[in-house]
């Protein structure tokens, strides 16, 4: 199994980027739920700031995951 992971870096990058993407989206969802439950202007402002901060990272991870997945599929053939 370890030899297979070492010879297939696209799979490792794809899995890592998708996992990190899921963690970031879940974290953003948790911040949104907490902000809506507190329901104050400050909490909603912090939610908007969090979303603005996470958006570029999520976009980069989506591109990296897509490119690594395409590389994985092309390498398998």
N, C-alpha and C. Protein backbone atom coordinates (compact mmCIF):
# COMPACT_ATOMS: atom_id res chain seq x y z
N UNK A 1 0.82 -1.20 0.00
CA UNK A 1 0.00 0.00 0.00
C UNK A 1 0.86 1.26 0.00
N UNK A 2 1.90 1.28 0.83
CA UNK A 2 2.75 2.47 0.90
C UNK A 2 3.50 2.70 -0.40
N UNK A 3 3.91 1.63 -1.04
CA UNK A 3 4.61 1.78 -2.31
C UNK A 3 3.68 2.37 -3.36
N UNK A 4 2.42 2.00 -3.27
CA UNK A 4 1.45 2.52 -4.24
C UNK A 4 1.23 4.02 -4.03
N UNK A 5 1.20 4.49 -2.77
CA UNK A 5 1.03 5.91 -2.50
C UNK A 5 2.24 6.71 -2.94
N UNK A 6 3.41 6.15 -2.77
CA UNK A 6 4.62 6.87 -3.18
C UNK A 6 4.71 7.00 -4.70
N UNK A 7 4.19 6.04 -5.41
CA UNK A 7 4.28 6.10 -6.86
C UNK A 7 3.11 6.88 -7.48
N UNK A 8 2.15 7.29 -6.67
CA UNK A 8 0.98 7.98 -7.18
C UNK A 8 0.74 9.29 -6.43
N UNK A 9 1.54 10.33 -6.71
CA UNK A 9 1.38 11.58 -5.97
C UNK A 9 0.08 12.32 -6.28
N UNK A 10 -0.48 12.09 -7.46
CA UNK A 10 -1.73 12.75 -7.81
C UNK A 10 -2.86 12.32 -6.88
N UNK A 11 -2.88 11.06 -6.54
CA UNK A 11 -3.91 10.56 -5.63
C UNK A 11 -3.79 11.15 -4.25
N UNK A 12 -2.57 11.29 -3.76
CA UNK A 12 -2.36 11.88 -2.44
C UNK A 12 -2.76 13.35 -2.43
N UNK A 13 -2.38 14.08 -3.46
CA UNK A 13 -2.74 15.50 -3.54
C UNK A 13 -4.25 15.67 -3.68
N UNK A 14 -4.87 14.84 -4.50
CA UNK A 14 -6.32 14.93 -4.68
C UNK A 14 -7.06 14.64 -3.38
N UNK A 15 -6.65 13.58 -2.69
CA UNK A 15 -7.31 13.22 -1.43
C UNK A 15 -7.09 14.28 -0.37
N UNK A 16 -5.88 14.81 -0.28
CA UNK A 16 -5.58 15.83 0.73
C UNK A 16 -6.35 17.12 0.46
N UNK A 17 -6.42 17.54 -0.81
CA UNK A 17 -7.11 18.79 -1.11
C UNK A 17 -8.62 18.65 -0.90
N UNK A 18 -9.18 17.53 -1.26
CA UNK A 18 -10.62 17.33 -1.06
C UNK A 18 -10.95 17.23 0.44
N UNK A 19 -10.09 16.56 1.20
CA UNK A 19 -10.30 16.47 2.64
C UNK A 19 -10.22 17.84 3.30
N UNK A 20 -9.21 18.62 2.94
CA UNK A 20 -9.07 19.97 3.50
C UNK A 20 -10.23 20.87 3.06
N UNK A 21 -10.69 20.69 1.85
CA UNK A 21 -11.84 21.44 1.37
C UNK A 21 -13.08 21.13 2.19
N UNK A 22 -13.30 19.87 2.48
CA UNK A 22 -14.45 19.47 3.30
C UNK A 22 -14.34 20.04 4.71
N UNK A 23 -13.14 20.05 5.28
CA UNK A 23 -12.94 20.62 6.62
C UNK A 23 -13.24 22.11 6.62
N UNK A 24 -12.78 22.83 5.61
CA UNK A 24 -13.03 24.28 5.55
C UNK A 24 -14.51 24.58 5.37
N UNK A 25 -15.19 23.83 4.53
CA UNK A 25 -16.62 24.06 4.31
C UNK A 25 -17.41 23.72 5.57
N UNK A 26 -17.03 22.66 6.26
CA UNK A 26 -17.71 22.32 7.52
C UNK A 26 -17.46 23.38 8.58
N UNK A 27 -16.25 23.90 8.64
CA UNK A 27 -15.95 24.98 9.58
C UNK A 27 -16.74 26.24 9.28
N UNK A 28 -16.85 26.58 8.01
CA UNK A 28 -17.64 27.75 7.62
C UNK A 28 -19.11 27.55 7.96
N UNK A 29 -19.60 26.34 7.78
CA UNK A 29 -20.98 26.04 8.14
C UNK A 29 -21.20 26.14 9.64
N UNK A 30 -20.24 25.68 10.42
CA UNK A 30 -20.35 25.79 11.88
C UNK A 30 -20.36 27.25 12.33
N UNK A 31 -19.51 28.06 11.73
CA UNK A 31 -19.50 29.50 12.05
C UNK A 31 -20.84 30.13 11.68
N UNK A 32 -21.40 29.74 10.54
CA UNK A 32 -22.69 30.30 10.12
C UNK A 32 -23.82 29.89 11.06
N UNK A 33 -23.82 28.64 11.49
CA UNK A 33 -24.86 28.17 12.41
C UNK A 33 -24.76 28.89 13.75
N UNK A 34 -23.55 29.04 14.25
CA UNK A 34 -23.37 29.74 15.53
C UNK A 34 -23.77 31.20 15.39
N UNK A 35 -23.39 31.84 14.29
CA UNK A 35 -23.73 33.25 14.10
C UNK A 35 -25.24 33.45 14.00
N UNK A 36 -25.91 32.54 13.33
CA UNK A 36 -27.36 32.66 13.21
C UNK A 36 -28.07 32.36 14.53
N UNK A 37 -27.48 31.49 15.35
CA UNK A 37 -28.11 31.20 16.63
C UNK A 37 -27.92 32.35 17.62
N UNK A 38 -26.77 33.03 17.57
CA UNK A 38 -26.56 34.21 18.42
C UNK A 38 -27.41 35.37 17.90
N UNK A 39 -27.45 35.54 16.58
CA UNK A 39 -28.30 36.50 15.89
C UNK A 39 -28.09 37.94 16.35
N UNK A 40 -26.81 38.34 16.42
CA UNK A 40 -26.48 39.73 16.68
C UNK A 40 -25.72 40.26 15.47
N UNK A 41 -25.66 41.57 15.35
CA UNK A 41 -24.96 42.15 14.21
C UNK A 41 -23.48 41.80 14.23
N UNK A 42 -22.90 41.75 15.42
CA UNK A 42 -21.48 41.42 15.53
C UNK A 42 -21.22 39.99 15.05
N UNK A 43 -22.04 39.05 15.46
CA UNK A 43 -21.81 37.66 15.04
C UNK A 43 -22.03 37.50 13.53
N UNK A 44 -23.02 38.19 13.00
CA UNK A 44 -23.25 38.12 11.55
C UNK A 44 -22.10 38.76 10.78
N UNK A 45 -21.54 39.85 11.33
CA UNK A 45 -20.38 40.48 10.70
C UNK A 45 -19.18 39.55 10.72
N UNK A 46 -18.96 38.88 11.84
CA UNK A 46 -17.85 37.92 11.92
C UNK A 46 -18.06 36.75 10.97
N UNK A 47 -19.32 36.35 10.77
CA UNK A 47 -19.61 35.30 9.80
C UNK A 47 -19.24 35.76 8.39
N UNK A 48 -19.60 36.96 8.04
CA UNK A 48 -19.28 37.49 6.71
C UNK A 48 -17.76 37.61 6.52
N UNK A 49 -17.07 38.02 7.55
CA UNK A 49 -15.61 38.12 7.47
C UNK A 49 -14.97 36.74 7.30
N UNK A 50 -15.52 35.76 7.99
CA UNK A 50 -15.02 34.39 7.86
C UNK A 50 -15.23 33.87 6.45
N UNK A 51 -16.40 34.12 5.91
CA UNK A 51 -16.69 33.66 4.54
C UNK A 51 -15.77 34.35 3.53
N UNK A 52 -15.53 35.64 3.73
CA UNK A 52 -14.65 36.37 2.82
C UNK A 52 -13.21 35.87 2.93
N UNK A 53 -12.82 35.45 4.11
CA UNK A 53 -11.46 34.94 4.31
C UNK A 53 -11.30 33.54 3.71
N UNK A 54 -12.32 32.71 3.82
CA UNK A 54 -12.21 31.32 3.36
C UNK A 54 -12.44 31.15 1.86
N UNK A 55 -13.10 32.10 1.22
CA UNK A 55 -13.44 31.94 -0.20
C UNK A 55 -12.22 31.74 -1.09
N UNK A 56 -11.16 32.54 -0.98
CA UNK A 56 -10.00 32.27 -1.85
C UNK A 56 -9.36 30.92 -1.60
N UNK A 57 -9.28 30.50 -0.35
CA UNK A 57 -8.68 29.20 -0.04
C UNK A 57 -9.52 28.07 -0.61
N UNK A 58 -10.83 28.18 -0.53
CA UNK A 58 -11.72 27.15 -1.07
C UNK A 58 -11.58 27.10 -2.59
N UNK A 59 -11.48 28.24 -3.23
CA UNK A 59 -11.34 28.25 -4.69
C UNK A 59 -10.03 27.59 -5.12
N UNK A 60 -8.94 27.88 -4.41
CA UNK A 60 -7.65 27.28 -4.74
C UNK A 60 -7.70 25.77 -4.53
N UNK A 61 -8.29 25.34 -3.42
CA UNK A 61 -8.38 23.90 -3.15
C UNK A 61 -9.25 23.19 -4.18
N UNK A 62 -10.29 23.85 -4.65
CA UNK A 62 -11.13 23.23 -5.69
C UNK A 62 -10.33 23.04 -6.98
N UNK A 63 -9.55 24.04 -7.36
CA UNK A 63 -8.75 23.93 -8.58
C UNK A 63 -7.67 22.86 -8.42
N UNK A 64 -6.99 22.85 -7.27
CA UNK A 64 -5.95 21.85 -7.04
C UNK A 64 -6.54 20.44 -7.05
N UNK A 65 -7.68 20.27 -6.40
CA UNK A 65 -8.33 18.97 -6.38
C UNK A 65 -8.76 18.52 -7.77
N UNK A 66 -9.28 19.45 -8.56
CA UNK A 66 -9.70 19.11 -9.92
C UNK A 66 -8.52 18.73 -10.80
N UNK A 67 -7.45 19.52 -10.73
CA UNK A 67 -6.26 19.23 -11.55
C UNK A 67 -5.63 17.91 -11.11
N UNK A 68 -5.54 17.68 -9.80
CA UNK A 68 -4.96 16.42 -9.32
C UNK A 68 -5.83 15.23 -9.71
N UNK A 69 -7.14 15.40 -9.69
CA UNK A 69 -8.03 14.31 -10.08
C UNK A 69 -7.89 13.99 -11.56
N UNK A 70 -7.79 15.02 -12.38
CA UNK A 70 -7.59 14.79 -13.82
C UNK A 70 -6.23 14.12 -14.05
N UNK A 71 -5.20 14.58 -13.34
CA UNK A 71 -3.89 13.94 -13.45
C UNK A 71 -3.92 12.50 -13.01
N UNK A 72 -4.69 12.20 -11.97
CA UNK A 72 -4.83 10.83 -11.50
C UNK A 72 -5.50 9.94 -12.55
N UNK A 73 -6.56 10.46 -13.15
CA UNK A 73 -7.28 9.67 -14.16
C UNK A 73 -6.40 9.44 -15.38
N UNK A 74 -5.68 10.48 -15.81
CA UNK A 74 -4.82 10.33 -16.98
C UNK A 74 -3.64 9.41 -16.71
N UNK A 75 -3.15 9.41 -15.48
CA UNK A 75 -2.02 8.55 -15.14
C UNK A 75 -2.44 7.08 -15.03
N UNK A 76 -3.66 6.82 -14.64
CA UNK A 76 -4.15 5.44 -14.51
C UNK A 76 -4.21 4.78 -15.90
N UNK A 77 -4.59 5.53 -16.89
CA UNK A 77 -4.71 4.96 -18.24
C UNK A 77 -3.37 4.63 -18.74
